[in-house]
PDB file of N, CA and C in Angstrom:
ATOM      1  N   UNK A   1      24.953 -47.087  38.589  1.00  0.00           N
ATOM      2  CA  UNK A   1      25.395 -45.721  38.089  1.00  0.00           C
ATOM      3  C   UNK A   1      26.547 -45.427  38.413  1.00  0.00           C
ATOM      4  N   UNK A   2      27.277 -44.830  37.369  1.00  0.00           N
ATOM      5  CA  UNK A   2      28.772 -44.529  37.115  1.00  0.00           C
ATOM      6  C   UNK A   2      29.001 -43.377  38.123  1.00  0.00           C
ATOM      7  N   UNK A   3      30.276 -43.085  38.419  1.00  0.00           N
ATOM      8  CA  UNK A   3      30.642 -42.079  39.178  1.00  0.00           C
ATOM      9  C   UNK A   3      30.357 -40.692  38.517  1.00  0.00           C
ATOM     10  N   UNK A   4      30.370 -40.806  36.946  1.00  0.00           N
ATOM     11  CA  UNK A   4      30.211 -39.569  36.059  1.00  0.00           C
ATOM     12  C   UNK A   4      28.905 -39.268  36.342  1.00  0.00           C
ATOM     13  N   UNK A   5      28.172 -40.275  36.159  1.00  0.00           N
ATOM     14  CA  UNK A   5      26.428 -40.146  36.020  1.00  0.00           C
ATOM     15  C   UNK A   5      25.966 -39.605  37.460  1.00  0.00           C
ATOM     16  N   UNK A   6      26.707 -40.174  38.508  1.00  0.00           N
ATOM     17  CA  UNK A   6      26.212 -39.446  39.912  1.00  0.00           C
ATOM     18  C   UNK A   6      26.729 -37.693  39.815  1.00  0.00           C
ATOM     19  N   UNK A   7      28.070 -37.753  39.568  1.00  0.00           N
ATOM     20  CA  UNK A   7      28.886 -36.478  39.287  1.00  0.00           C
ATOM     21  C   UNK A   7      27.621 -35.520  38.712  1.00  0.00           C
ATOM     22  N   UNK A   8      27.375 -35.592  37.255  1.00  0.00           N
ATOM     23  CA  UNK A   8      26.469 -34.971  36.638  1.00  0.00           C
ATOM     24  C   UNK A   8      25.246 -34.419  37.201  1.00  0.00           C
ATOM     25  N   UNK A   9      24.515 -35.419  38.003  1.00  0.00           N
ATOM     26  CA  UNK A   9      23.259 -35.296  38.794  1.00  0.00           C
ATOM     27  C   UNK A   9      23.547 -34.428  39.879  1.00  0.00           C
ATOM     28  N   UNK A  10      24.481 -34.643  40.681  1.00  0.00           N
ATOM     29  CA  UNK A  10      24.832 -33.771  41.737  1.00  0.00           C
ATOM     30  C   UNK A  10      25.043 -32.499  41.660  1.00  0.00           C
ATOM     31  N   UNK A  11      25.770 -32.246  40.397  1.00  0.00           N
ATOM     32  CA  UNK A  11      26.253 -30.985  39.973  1.00  0.00           C
ATOM     33  C   UNK A  11      24.840 -30.235  39.592  1.00  0.00           C
ATOM     34  N   UNK A  12      23.549 -30.994  38.742  1.00  0.00           N
ATOM     35  CA  UNK A  12      22.587 -30.337  38.304  1.00  0.00           C
ATOM     36  C   UNK A  12      21.873 -29.941  39.680  1.00  0.00           C
ATOM     37  N   UNK A  13      21.819 -30.762  40.518  1.00  0.00           N
ATOM     38  CA  UNK A  13      21.171 -30.514  41.887  1.00  0.00           C
ATOM     39  C   UNK A  13      21.798 -29.489  42.668  1.00  0.00           C
ATOM     40  N   UNK A  14      22.901 -29.264  42.676  1.00  0.00           N
ATOM     41  CA  UNK A  14      23.476 -28.381  43.408  1.00  0.00           C
ATOM     42  C   UNK A  14      23.780 -26.936  42.745  1.00  0.00           C
ATOM     43  N   UNK A  15      23.274 -26.940  41.366  1.00  0.00           N
ATOM     44  CA  UNK A  15      23.163 -25.893  40.867  1.00  0.00           C
ATOM     45  C   UNK A  15      21.726 -25.335  40.814  1.00  0.00           C
ATOM     46  N   UNK A  16      21.042 -26.230  40.630  1.00  0.00           N
ATOM     47  CA  UNK A  16      19.593 -25.793  40.778  1.00  0.00           C
ATOM     48  C   UNK A  16      19.165 -25.304  42.249  1.00  0.00           C
ATOM     49  N   UNK A  17      19.575 -25.861  43.322  1.00  0.00           N
ATOM     50  CA  UNK A  17      19.369 -25.853  44.540  1.00  0.00           C
ATOM     51  C   UNK A  17      20.188 -24.635  45.283  1.00  0.00           C
ATOM     52  N   UNK A  18      21.478 -24.562  44.865  1.00  0.00           N
ATOM     53  CA  UNK A  18      22.466 -23.451  45.452  1.00  0.00           C
ATOM     54  C   UNK A  18      23.371 -24.088  46.640  1.00  0.00           C
ATOM     55  N   UNK A  19      22.515 -25.019  47.451  1.00  0.00           N
ATOM     56  CA  UNK A  19      23.378 -25.513  48.691  1.00  0.00           C
ATOM     57  C   UNK A  19      22.593 -26.657  48.736  1.00  0.00           C
ATOM     58  N   UNK A  20      23.675 -27.941  49.359  1.00  0.00           N
ATOM     59  CA  UNK A  20      23.047 -29.210  49.659  1.00  0.00           C
ATOM     60  C   UNK A  20      23.736 -29.667  50.942  1.00  0.00           C
ATOM     61  N   UNK A  21      23.257 -30.475  51.517  1.00  0.00           N
ATOM     62  CA  UNK A  21      23.983 -31.026  52.803  1.00  0.00           C
ATOM     63  C   UNK A  21      24.384 -32.328  52.322  1.00  0.00           C
ATOM     64  N   UNK A  22      25.411 -32.506  52.847  1.00  0.00           N
ATOM     65  CA  UNK A  22      26.366 -34.119  52.551  1.00  0.00           C
ATOM     66  C   UNK A  22      25.490 -35.055  52.488  1.00  0.00           C
ATOM     67  N   UNK A  23      24.651 -35.093  53.717  1.00  0.00           N
ATOM     68  CA  UNK A  23      23.386 -36.175  54.193  1.00  0.00           C
ATOM     69  C   UNK A  23      22.665 -36.234  53.018  1.00  0.00           C
ATOM     70  N   UNK A  24      22.230 -35.082  52.470  1.00  0.00           N
ATOM     71  CA  UNK A  24      21.121 -35.096  51.278  1.00  0.00           C
ATOM     72  C   UNK A  24      21.819 -36.072  50.027  1.00  0.00           C
ATOM     73  N   UNK A  25      22.978 -35.810  49.875  1.00  0.00           N
ATOM     74  CA  UNK A  25      23.744 -36.489  48.427  1.00  0.00           C
ATOM     75  C   UNK A  25      23.802 -37.626  48.879  1.00  0.00           C
ATOM     76  N   UNK A  26      24.168 -38.108  50.293  1.00  0.00           N
ATOM     77  CA  UNK A  26      24.357 -39.620  50.577  1.00  0.00           C
ATOM     78  C   UNK A  26      22.878 -40.143  50.045  1.00  0.00           C
ATOM     79  N   UNK A  27      21.908 -39.643  50.786  1.00  0.00           N
ATOM     80  CA  UNK A  27      20.496 -40.132  50.733  1.00  0.00           C
ATOM     81  C   UNK A  27      19.988 -40.582  49.417  1.00  0.00           C
ATOM     82  N   UNK A  28      20.164 -39.173  48.521  1.00  0.00           N
ATOM     83  CA  UNK A  28      19.850 -39.318  47.318  1.00  0.00           C
ATOM     84  C   UNK A  28      20.435 -40.362  46.084  1.00  0.00           C
ATOM     85  N   UNK A  29      21.845 -40.522  46.509  1.00  0.00           N
ATOM     86  CA  UNK A  29      22.488 -41.366  45.405  1.00  0.00           C
ATOM     87  C   UNK A  29      22.930 -42.671  46.470  1.00  0.00           C
ATOM     88  N   UNK A  30      22.417 -42.760  47.396  1.00  0.00           N
ATOM     89  CA  UNK A  30      23.045 -44.104  48.231  1.00  0.00           C
ATOM     90  C   UNK A  30      24.195 -44.089  48.227  1.00  0.00           C
ATOM     91  N   UNK A  31      25.099 -43.349  48.732  1.00  0.00           N
ATOM     92  CA  UNK A  31      26.736 -43.353  48.935  1.00  0.00           C
ATOM     93  C   UNK A  31      27.183 -43.764  50.070  1.00  0.00           C
ATOM     94  N   UNK A  32      28.165 -44.443  50.184  1.00  0.00           N
ATOM     95  CA  UNK A  32      28.816 -44.620  51.292  1.00  0.00           C
ATOM     96  C   UNK A  32      30.046 -43.322  51.619  1.00  0.00           C
ATOM     97  N   UNK A  33      30.614 -43.502  52.836  1.00  0.00           N
ATOM     98  CA  UNK A  33      31.266 -42.303  53.228  1.00  0.00           C
ATOM     99  C   UNK A  33      32.361 -42.233  52.371  1.00  0.00           C
ATOM    100  N   UNK A  34      32.956 -43.042  51.795  1.00  0.00           N
ATOM    101  CA  UNK A  34      34.098 -42.981  50.754  1.00  0.00           C
ATOM    102  C   UNK A  34      33.911 -42.136  49.718  1.00  0.00           C
ATOM    103  N   UNK A  35      32.734 -42.829  48.890  1.00  0.00           N
ATOM    104  CA  UNK A  35      32.163 -42.617  47.843  1.00  0.00           C
ATOM    105  C   UNK A  35      31.829 -40.984  47.757  1.00  0.00           C
ATOM    106  N   UNK A  36      31.249 -40.662  49.113  1.00  0.00           N
ATOM    107  CA  UNK A  36      30.891 -38.854  49.452  1.00  0.00           C
ATOM    108  C   UNK A  36      32.013 -38.373  49.403  1.00  0.00           C
ATOM    109  N   UNK A  37      33.121 -38.870  49.934  1.00  0.00           N
ATOM    110  CA  UNK A  37      34.355 -38.225  50.019  1.00  0.00           C
ATOM    111  C   UNK A  37      34.784 -37.618  48.498  1.00  0.00           C
ATOM    112  N   UNK A  38      34.836 -38.683  47.860  1.00  0.00           N
ATOM    113  CA  UNK A  38      35.340 -38.908  46.256  1.00  0.00           C
ATOM    114  C   UNK A  38      34.325 -37.543  45.712  1.00  0.00           C
ATOM    115  N   UNK A  39      33.476 -37.477  45.562  1.00  0.00           N
ATOM    116  CA  UNK A  39      32.385 -36.731  45.050  1.00  0.00           C
ATOM    117  C   UNK A  39      32.667 -35.272  45.739  1.00  0.00           C
ATOM    118  N   UNK A  40      32.777 -35.023  46.991  1.00  0.00           N
ATOM    119  CA  UNK A  40      33.301 -33.629  47.659  1.00  0.00           C
ATOM    120  C   UNK A  40      34.487 -33.234  46.719  1.00  0.00           C
ATOM    121  N   UNK A  41      35.122 -34.326  46.845  1.00  0.00           N
ATOM    122  CA  UNK A  41      36.748 -33.615  46.393  1.00  0.00           C
ATOM    123  C   UNK A  41      36.459 -33.172  44.807  1.00  0.00           C
ATOM    124  N   UNK A  42      35.659 -33.945  44.209  1.00  0.00           N
ATOM    125  CA  UNK A  42      35.626 -33.470  42.614  1.00  0.00           C
ATOM    126  C   UNK A  42      34.929 -32.436  42.563  1.00  0.00           C
ATOM    127  N   UNK A  43      34.021 -32.290  43.254  1.00  0.00           N
ATOM    128  CA  UNK A  43      32.966 -30.840  43.271  1.00  0.00           C
ATOM    129  C   UNK A  43      33.902 -29.663  44.074  1.00  0.00           C
ATOM    130  N   UNK A  44      34.750 -29.654  44.843  1.00  0.00           N
ATOM    131  CA  UNK A  44      35.161 -28.806  45.762  1.00  0.00           C
ATOM    132  C   UNK A  44      36.538 -28.424  44.856  1.00  0.00           C
ATOM    133  N   UNK A  45      37.505 -29.500  44.972  1.00  0.00           N
ATOM    134  CA  UNK A  45      38.693 -29.302  44.367  1.00  0.00           C
ATOM    135  C   UNK A  45      38.932 -29.611  42.812  1.00  0.00           C
ATOM    136  N   UNK A  46      38.412 -30.644  42.257  1.00  0.00           N
ATOM    137  CA  UNK A  46      38.636 -31.041  40.840  1.00  0.00           C
ATOM    138  C   UNK A  46      37.798 -30.095  39.776  1.00  0.00           C
ATOM    139  N   UNK A  47      36.472 -29.662  40.069  1.00  0.00           N
ATOM    140  CA  UNK A  47      35.630 -28.916  39.235  1.00  0.00           C
ATOM    141  C   UNK A  47      35.661 -27.703  39.735  1.00  0.00           C
ATOM    142  N   UNK A  48      35.935 -27.418  41.008  1.00  0.00           N
ATOM    143  CA  UNK A  48      35.808 -26.025  41.509  1.00  0.00           C
ATOM    144  C   UNK A  48      34.504 -25.329  41.554  1.00  0.00           C
ATOM    145  N   UNK A  49      33.494 -26.240  41.532  1.00  0.00           N
ATOM    146  CA  UNK A  49      31.964 -25.566  41.430  1.00  0.00           C
ATOM    147  C   UNK A  49      31.231 -25.430  42.867  1.00  0.00           C
ATOM    148  N   UNK A  50      31.920 -26.147  43.845  1.00  0.00           N
ATOM    149  CA  UNK A  50      31.588 -25.815  45.199  1.00  0.00           C
ATOM    150  C   UNK A  50      32.407 -25.570  45.998  1.00  0.00           C
ATOM    151  N   UNK A  51      31.788 -25.158  47.305  1.00  0.00           N
ATOM    152  CA  UNK A  51      32.698 -24.729  48.522  1.00  0.00           C
ATOM    153  C   UNK A  51      32.194 -25.529  49.798  1.00  0.00           C
ATOM    154  N   UNK A  52      32.897 -26.021  50.646  1.00  0.00           N
ATOM    155  CA  UNK A  52      32.302 -26.768  51.847  1.00  0.00           C
ATOM    156  C   UNK A  52      32.036 -25.492  52.620  1.00  0.00           C
ATOM    157  N   UNK A  53      31.097 -25.583  53.706  1.00  0.00           N
ATOM    158  CA  UNK A  53      30.520 -24.568  54.283  1.00  0.00           C
ATOM    159  C   UNK A  53      30.050 -25.605  55.851  1.00  0.00           C
ATOM    160  N   UNK A  54      31.043 -25.430  56.857  1.00  0.00           N
ATOM    161  CA  UNK A  54      31.084 -25.860  58.029  1.00  0.00           C
ATOM    162  C   UNK A  54      31.052 -27.339  58.150  1.00  0.00           C
ATOM    163  N   UNK A  55      31.828 -28.030  57.351  1.00  0.00           N
ATOM    164  CA  UNK A  55      31.715 -29.438  57.075  1.00  0.00           C
ATOM    165  C   UNK A  55      30.625 -30.100  56.781  1.00  0.00           C
ATOM    166  N   UNK A  56      29.384 -29.429  56.567  1.00  0.00           N
ATOM    167  CA  UNK A  56      28.285 -29.993  56.387  1.00  0.00           C
ATOM    168  C   UNK A  56      27.502 -29.796  55.064  1.00  0.00           C
ATOM    169  N   UNK A  57      27.899 -28.869  54.645  1.00  0.00           N
ATOM    170  CA  UNK A  57      26.990 -28.483  53.334  1.00  0.00           C
ATOM    171  C   UNK A  57      27.989 -27.769  52.036  1.00  0.00           C
ATOM    172  N   UNK A  58      27.553 -28.341  50.983  1.00  0.00           N
ATOM    173  CA  UNK A  58      28.215 -27.681  49.944  1.00  0.00           C
ATOM    174  C   UNK A  58      27.296 -26.681  49.052  1.00  0.00           C
ATOM    175  N   UNK A  59      28.094 -25.670  48.762  1.00  0.00           N
ATOM    176  CA  UNK A  59      27.647 -24.149  48.222  1.00  0.00           C
ATOM    177  C   UNK A  59      28.029 -23.964  46.899  1.00  0.00           C
ATOM    178  N   UNK A  60      26.953 -23.799  46.040  1.00  0.00           N
ATOM    179  CA  UNK A  60      27.444 -23.526  44.495  1.00  0.00           C
ATOM    180  C   UNK A  60      28.192 -22.341  44.412  1.00  0.00           C
ATOM    181  N   UNK A  61      29.445 -22.309  43.848  1.00  0.00           N
ATOM    182  CA  UNK A  61      30.063 -21.128  43.544  1.00  0.00           C
ATOM    183  C   UNK A  61      30.471 -20.928  42.150  1.00  0.00           C
ATOM    184  N   UNK A  62      29.896 -21.515  41.275  1.00  0.00           N
ATOM    185  CA  UNK A  62      29.991 -20.989  39.847  1.00  0.00           C
ATOM    186  C   UNK A  62      30.327 -22.445  38.958  1.00  0.00           C
ATOM    187  N   UNK A  63      30.316 -22.106  37.417  1.00  0.00           N
ATOM    188  CA  UNK A  63      30.354 -22.755  36.505  1.00  0.00           C
ATOM    189  C   UNK A  63      31.848 -23.185  36.330  1.00  0.00           C
ATOM    190  N   UNK A  64      32.299 -24.361  35.854  1.00  0.00           N
ATOM    191  CA  UNK A  64      33.425 -24.976  35.657  1.00  0.00           C
ATOM    192  C   UNK A  64      33.961 -24.162  34.641  1.00  0.00           C
ATOM    193  N   UNK A  65      35.552 -23.528  34.659  1.00  0.00           N
ATOM    194  CA  UNK A  65      36.099 -22.966  33.496  1.00  0.00           C
ATOM    195  C   UNK A  65      35.594 -21.459  33.474  1.00  0.00           C
ATOM    196  N   UNK A  66      34.566 -21.450  34.298  1.00  0.00           N
ATOM    197  CA  UNK A  66      34.300 -19.523  34.342  1.00  0.00           C
ATOM    198  C   UNK A  66      34.991 -18.879  35.242  1.00  0.00           C
ATOM    199  N   UNK A  67      35.209 -17.572  35.051  1.00  0.00           N
ATOM    200  CA  UNK A  67      35.661 -16.932  36.278  1.00  0.00           C
ATOM    201  C   UNK A  67      35.040 -17.216  37.725  1.00  0.00           C
ATOM    202  N   UNK A  68      35.741 -17.289  38.670  1.00  0.00           N
ATOM    203  CA  UNK A  68      35.286 -17.708  39.982  1.00  0.00           C
ATOM    204  C   UNK A  68      34.464 -16.631  40.733  1.00  0.00           C
ATOM    205  N   UNK A  69      33.205 -16.416  40.554  1.00  0.00           N
ATOM    206  CA  UNK A  69      32.673 -15.391  41.364  1.00  0.00           C
ATOM    207  C   UNK A  69      31.988 -16.183  42.834  1.00  0.00           C
ATOM    208  N   UNK A  70      32.732 -15.526  43.842  1.00  0.00           N
ATOM    209  CA  UNK A  70      32.352 -16.238  45.065  1.00  0.00           C
ATOM    210  C   UNK A  70      31.038 -15.518  45.469  1.00  0.00           C
ATOM    211  N   UNK A  71      30.247 -16.251  46.232  1.00  0.00           N
ATOM    212  CA  UNK A  71      29.076 -15.708  47.339  1.00  0.00           C
ATOM    213  C   UNK A  71      29.810 -15.500  48.283  1.00  0.00           C
ATOM    214  N   UNK A  72      28.976 -14.728  49.266  1.00  0.00           N
ATOM    215  CA  UNK A  72      29.333 -14.509  50.751  1.00  0.00           C
ATOM    216  C   UNK A  72      29.290 -15.765  51.441  1.00  0.00           C
ATOM    217  N   UNK A  73      28.594 -16.796  51.401  1.00  0.00           N
ATOM    218  CA  UNK A  73      28.453 -17.952  51.889  1.00  0.00           C
ATOM    219  C   UNK A  73      29.663 -18.582  51.633  1.00  0.00           C
ATOM    220  N   UNK A  74      30.108 -18.719  50.390  1.00  0.00           N
ATOM    221  CA  UNK A  74      31.228 -19.428  49.916  1.00  0.00           C
ATOM    222  C   UNK A  74      32.484 -18.995  50.652  1.00  0.00           C
ATOM    223  N   UNK A  75      32.807 -17.471  50.737  1.00  0.00           N
ATOM    224  CA  UNK A  75      33.763 -16.952  51.054  1.00  0.00           C
ATOM    225  C   UNK A  75      33.910 -17.331  52.639  1.00  0.00           C
ATOM    226  N   UNK A  76      32.546 -17.266  53.383  1.00  0.00           N
ATOM    227  CA  UNK A  76      32.636 -17.517  54.571  1.00  0.00           C
ATOM    228  C   UNK A  76      32.949 -18.852  54.850  1.00  0.00           C
ATOM    229  N   UNK A  77      32.513 -19.577  54.095  1.00  0.00           N
ATOM    230  CA  UNK A  77      32.878 -21.102  54.175  1.00  0.00           C
ATOM    231  C   UNK A  77      34.324 -21.159  54.131  1.00  0.00           C
ATOM    232  N   UNK A  78      35.090 -20.954  53.292  1.00  0.00           N
ATOM    233  CA  UNK A  78      36.436 -20.619  53.088  1.00  0.00           C
ATOM    234  C   UNK A  78      37.330 -19.990  54.408  1.00  0.00           C
ATOM    235  N   UNK A  79      36.948 -18.988  54.897  1.00  0.00           N
ATOM    236  CA  UNK A  79      37.519 -18.341  55.731  1.00  0.00           C
ATOM    237  C   UNK A  79      37.284 -19.468  57.331  1.00  0.00           C
ATOM    238  N   UNK A  80      35.895 -20.037  57.397  1.00  0.00           N
ATOM    239  CA  UNK A  80      35.776 -20.807  58.457  1.00  0.00           C
ATOM    240  C   UNK A  80      36.605 -21.995  58.405  1.00  0.00           C
ATOM    241  N   UNK A  81      36.705 -22.525  57.219  1.00  0.00           N
ATOM    242  CA  UNK A  81      37.916 -23.692  56.907  1.00  0.00           C
ATOM    243  C   UNK A  81      39.127 -23.183  57.358  1.00  0.00           C
ATOM    244  N   UNK A  82      39.849 -22.373  56.752  1.00  0.00           N
ATOM    245  CA  UNK A  82      41.179 -21.835  57.062  1.00  0.00           C
ATOM    246  C   UNK A  82      41.266 -21.371  58.447  1.00  0.00           C
ATOM    247  N   UNK A  83      40.078 -20.702  58.884  1.00  0.00           N
ATOM    248  CA  UNK A  83      40.339 -20.222  60.449  1.00  0.00           C
ATOM    249  C   UNK A  83      40.670 -21.583  61.495  1.00  0.00           C
ATOM    250  N   UNK A  84      39.525 -22.426  61.358  1.00  0.00           N
ATOM    251  CA  UNK A  84      39.737 -23.894  62.262  1.00  0.00           C
ATOM    252  C   UNK A  84      40.919 -24.410  62.093  1.00  0.00           C
ATOM    253  N   UNK A  85      41.460 -24.526  60.558  1.00  0.00           N
ATOM    254  CA  UNK A  85      42.908 -25.166  60.243  1.00  0.00           C
ATOM    255  C   UNK A  85      43.724 -24.703  61.017  1.00  0.00           C
ATOM    256  N   UNK A  86      43.989 -23.328  61.110  1.00  0.00           N
ATOM    257  CA  UNK A  86      45.222 -22.512  61.771  1.00  0.00           C
ATOM    258  C   UNK A  86      44.872 -22.569  63.257  1.00  0.00           C
ATOM    259  N   UNK A  87      43.695 -22.651  64.087  1.00  0.00           N
ATOM    260  CA  UNK A  87      43.369 -22.795  65.095  1.00  0.00           C
ATOM    261  C   UNK A  87      43.791 -24.072  65.816  1.00  0.00           C
ATOM    262  N   UNK A  88      43.605 -25.065  64.958  1.00  0.00           N
ATOM    263  CA  UNK A  88      44.013 -26.538  65.249  1.00  0.00           C
ATOM    264  C   UNK A  88      45.673 -26.362  65.193  1.00  0.00           C
ATOM    265  N   UNK A  89      46.089 -26.062  64.545  1.00  0.00           N
ATOM    266  CA  UNK A  89      47.964 -25.893  64.503  1.00  0.00           C
ATOM    267  C   UNK A  89      48.461 -25.345  65.633  1.00  0.00           C
ATOM    268  N   UNK A  90      47.858 -24.177  65.933  1.00  0.00           N
ATOM    269  CA  UNK A  90      48.391 -22.991  66.848  1.00  0.00           C
ATOM    270  C   UNK A  90      48.007 -23.786  68.202  1.00  0.00           C
ATOM    271  N   UNK A  91      47.044 -24.618  68.378  1.00  0.00           N
ATOM    272  CA  UNK A  91      46.612 -25.306  69.728  1.00  0.00           C
ATOM    273  C   UNK A  91      47.878 -26.276  70.076  1.00  0.00           C
ATOM    274  N   UNK A  92      48.474 -26.517  69.234  1.00  0.00           N
ATOM    275  CA  UNK A  92      49.679 -27.826  69.552  1.00  0.00           C
ATOM    276  C   UNK A  92      48.990 -29.203  68.986  1.00  0.00           C
ATOM    277  N   UNK A  93      48.217 -29.133  68.251  1.00  0.00           N
ATOM    278  CA  UNK A  93      47.638 -30.389  67.728  1.00  0.00           C
ATOM    279  C   UNK A  93      48.713 -30.807  66.617  1.00  0.00           C
ATOM    280  N   UNK A  94      48.405 -32.090  66.252  1.00  0.00           N
ATOM    281  CA  UNK A  94      49.396 -32.578  65.182  1.00  0.00           C
ATOM    282  C   UNK A  94      49.547 -31.724  63.846  1.00  0.00           C
ATOM    283  N   UNK A  95      50.687 -31.413  63.419  1.00  0.00           N
ATOM    284  CA  UNK A  95      51.073 -30.617  62.294  1.00  0.00           C
ATOM    285  C   UNK A  95      50.148 -31.322  61.176  1.00  0.00           C
ATOM    286  N   UNK A  96      49.572 -30.412  60.023  1.00  0.00           N
ATOM    287  CA  UNK A  96      48.971 -30.686  59.119  1.00  0.00           C
ATOM    288  C   UNK A  96      49.757 -31.705  58.084  1.00  0.00           C
ATOM    289  N   UNK A  97      49.283 -32.339  57.151  1.00  0.00           N
ATOM    290  CA  UNK A  97      49.690 -32.990  56.089  1.00  0.00           C
ATOM    291  C   UNK A  97      50.184 -32.064  55.083  1.00  0.00           C
ATOM    292  N   UNK A  98      51.077 -32.575  54.195  1.00  0.00           N
ATOM    293  CA  UNK A  98      51.624 -31.798  53.047  1.00  0.00           C
ATOM    294  C   UNK A  98      50.348 -31.208  52.250  1.00  0.00           C
ATOM    295  N   UNK A  99      49.125 -32.132  52.164  1.00  0.00           N
ATOM    296  CA  UNK A  99      47.829 -31.802  51.295  1.00  0.00           C
ATOM    297  C   UNK A  99      47.356 -30.702  52.155  1.00  0.00           C
ATOM    298  N   UNK A 100      47.199 -30.777  53.323  1.00  0.00           N
ATOM    299  CA  UNK A 100      46.474 -29.672  54.186  1.00  0.00           C
ATOM    300  C   UNK A 100      47.281 -28.483  53.953  1.00  0.00           C
ATOM    301  N   UNK A 101      48.638 -28.505  54.110  1.00  0.00           N
ATOM    302  CA  UNK A 101      49.161 -27.204  53.965  1.00  0.00           C
ATOM    303  C   UNK A 101      49.204 -26.612  52.673  1.00  0.00           C
ATOM    304  N   UNK A 102      48.905 -27.226  51.622  1.00  0.00           N
ATOM    305  CA  UNK A 102      48.849 -26.694  50.032  1.00  0.00           C
ATOM    306  C   UNK A 102      47.365 -26.241  50.284  1.00  0.00           C
ATOM    307  N   UNK A 103      46.456 -27.007  50.677  1.00  0.00           N
ATOM    308  CA  UNK A 103      44.952 -26.344  50.564  1.00  0.00           C
ATOM    309  C   UNK A 103      44.894 -25.130  51.453  1.00  0.00           C
ATOM    310  N   UNK A 104      45.722 -24.999  52.787  1.00  0.00           N
ATOM    311  CA  UNK A 104      45.848 -23.674  53.434  1.00  0.00           C
ATOM    312  C   UNK A 104      46.359 -22.627  52.555  1.00  0.00           C
ATOM    313  N   UNK A 105      47.229 -22.890  52.100  1.00  0.00           N
ATOM    314  CA  UNK A 105      47.727 -21.859  51.033  1.00  0.00           C
ATOM    315  C   UNK A 105      46.881 -21.336  50.038  1.00  0.00           C
ATOM    316  N   UNK A 106      46.169 -22.464  49.484  1.00  0.00           N
ATOM    317  CA  UNK A 106      45.335 -21.864  48.440  1.00  0.00           C
ATOM    318  C   UNK A 106      44.096 -21.190  48.880  1.00  0.00           C
ATOM    319  N   UNK A 107      43.525 -21.724  50.090  1.00  0.00           N
ATOM    320  CA  UNK A 107      42.592 -20.927  50.755  1.00  0.00           C
ATOM    321  C   UNK A 107      43.120 -19.487  50.943  1.00  0.00           C
ATOM    322  N   UNK A 108      43.991 -19.378  51.628  1.00  0.00           N
ATOM    323  CA  UNK A 108      44.782 -17.880  51.938  1.00  0.00           C
ATOM    324  C   UNK A 108      44.872 -16.881  50.767  1.00  0.00           C
ATOM    325  N   UNK A 109      45.358 -17.454  49.834  1.00  0.00           N
ATOM    326  CA  UNK A 109      45.321 -16.668  48.559  1.00  0.00           C
ATOM    327  C   UNK A 109      43.919 -16.296  47.704  1.00  0.00           C
ATOM    328  N   UNK A 110      43.056 -17.296  48.048  1.00  0.00           N
ATOM    329  CA  UNK A 110      41.735 -16.893  47.579  1.00  0.00           C
ATOM    330  C   UNK A 110      41.055 -15.995  48.586  1.00  0.00           C
ATOM    331  N   UNK A 111      41.244 -15.937  49.756  1.00  0.00           N
ATOM    332  CA  UNK A 111      40.672 -14.839  50.647  1.00  0.00           C
ATOM    333  C   UNK A 111      41.339 -13.505  50.577  1.00  0.00           C
ATOM    334  N   UNK A 112      42.751 -13.582  50.126  1.00  0.00           N
ATOM    335  CA  UNK A 112      43.144 -12.349  49.785  1.00  0.00           C
ATOM    336  C   UNK A 112      42.941 -11.727  48.573  1.00  0.00           C
ATOM    337  N   UNK A 113      42.551 -12.425  47.709  1.00  0.00           N
ATOM    338  CA  UNK A 113      41.994 -12.089  46.533  1.00  0.00           C
ATOM    339  C   UNK A 113      40.854 -11.498  46.423  1.00  0.00           C
ATOM    340  N   UNK A 114      39.747 -12.516  47.154  1.00  0.00           N
ATOM    341  CA  UNK A 114      38.684 -11.892  47.491  1.00  0.00           C
ATOM    342  C   UNK A 114      38.310 -10.760  48.118  1.00  0.00           C
ATOM    343  N   UNK A 115      39.023 -10.496  49.291  1.00  0.00           N
ATOM    344  CA  UNK A 115      38.915  -9.368  50.079  1.00  0.00           C
ATOM    345  C   UNK A 115      39.330  -8.034  49.393  1.00  0.00           C
ATOM    346  N   UNK A 116      39.926  -8.131  48.262  1.00  0.00           N
ATOM    347  CA  UNK A 116      40.451  -6.994  47.641  1.00  0.00           C
ATOM    348  C   UNK A 116      39.789  -6.964  46.220  1.00  0.00           C
ATOM    349  N   UNK A 117      38.608  -7.718  46.061  1.00  0.00           N
ATOM    350  CA  UNK A 117      37.828  -7.648  45.016  1.00  0.00           C
ATOM    351  C   UNK A 117      36.300  -6.814  45.396  1.00  0.00           C
ATOM    352  N   UNK A 118      36.014  -5.855  44.725  1.00  0.00           N
ATOM    353  CA  UNK A 118      34.790  -5.445  44.956  1.00  0.00           C
ATOM    354  C   UNK A 118      33.376  -6.105  44.997  1.00  0.00           C
ATOM    355  N   UNK A 119      32.529  -6.292  45.855  1.00  0.00           N
ATOM    356  CA  UNK A 119      31.276  -7.345  45.942  1.00  0.00           C
ATOM    357  C   UNK A 119      30.463  -6.807  44.963  1.00  0.00           C
ATOM    358  N   UNK A 120      29.601  -7.550  44.357  1.00  0.00           N
ATOM    359  CA  UNK A 120      28.608  -7.205  43.013  1.00  0.00           C
ATOM    360  C   UNK A 120      27.335  -6.911  43.669  1.00  0.00           C
TER     361      UNK A 120
END
């Protein structure tokens, strides 16, 4: 199966279920760790269809190209990701890479936007 075929099937699965563990994706598509990372990157960053929750679960957040409507779970996942990254930085661990800094800025902006948006 090609990457695009796996991506399409993963999107359908995630949209239908709303949440998927990374282990379920690995088992369903027989993915190694590197392939799973590529799939996660595409779903979260590339297509912006999902959010990471606690480093273990993908949460569906919406259609590609559609205005992003965040669920409470997706907002909490983003907040958790930002907080843990900032806590690691404050505790004296090695400084984040440029990619991590860009991700933190992106998450901080999204959280600020979301906190000023009325819930539906």
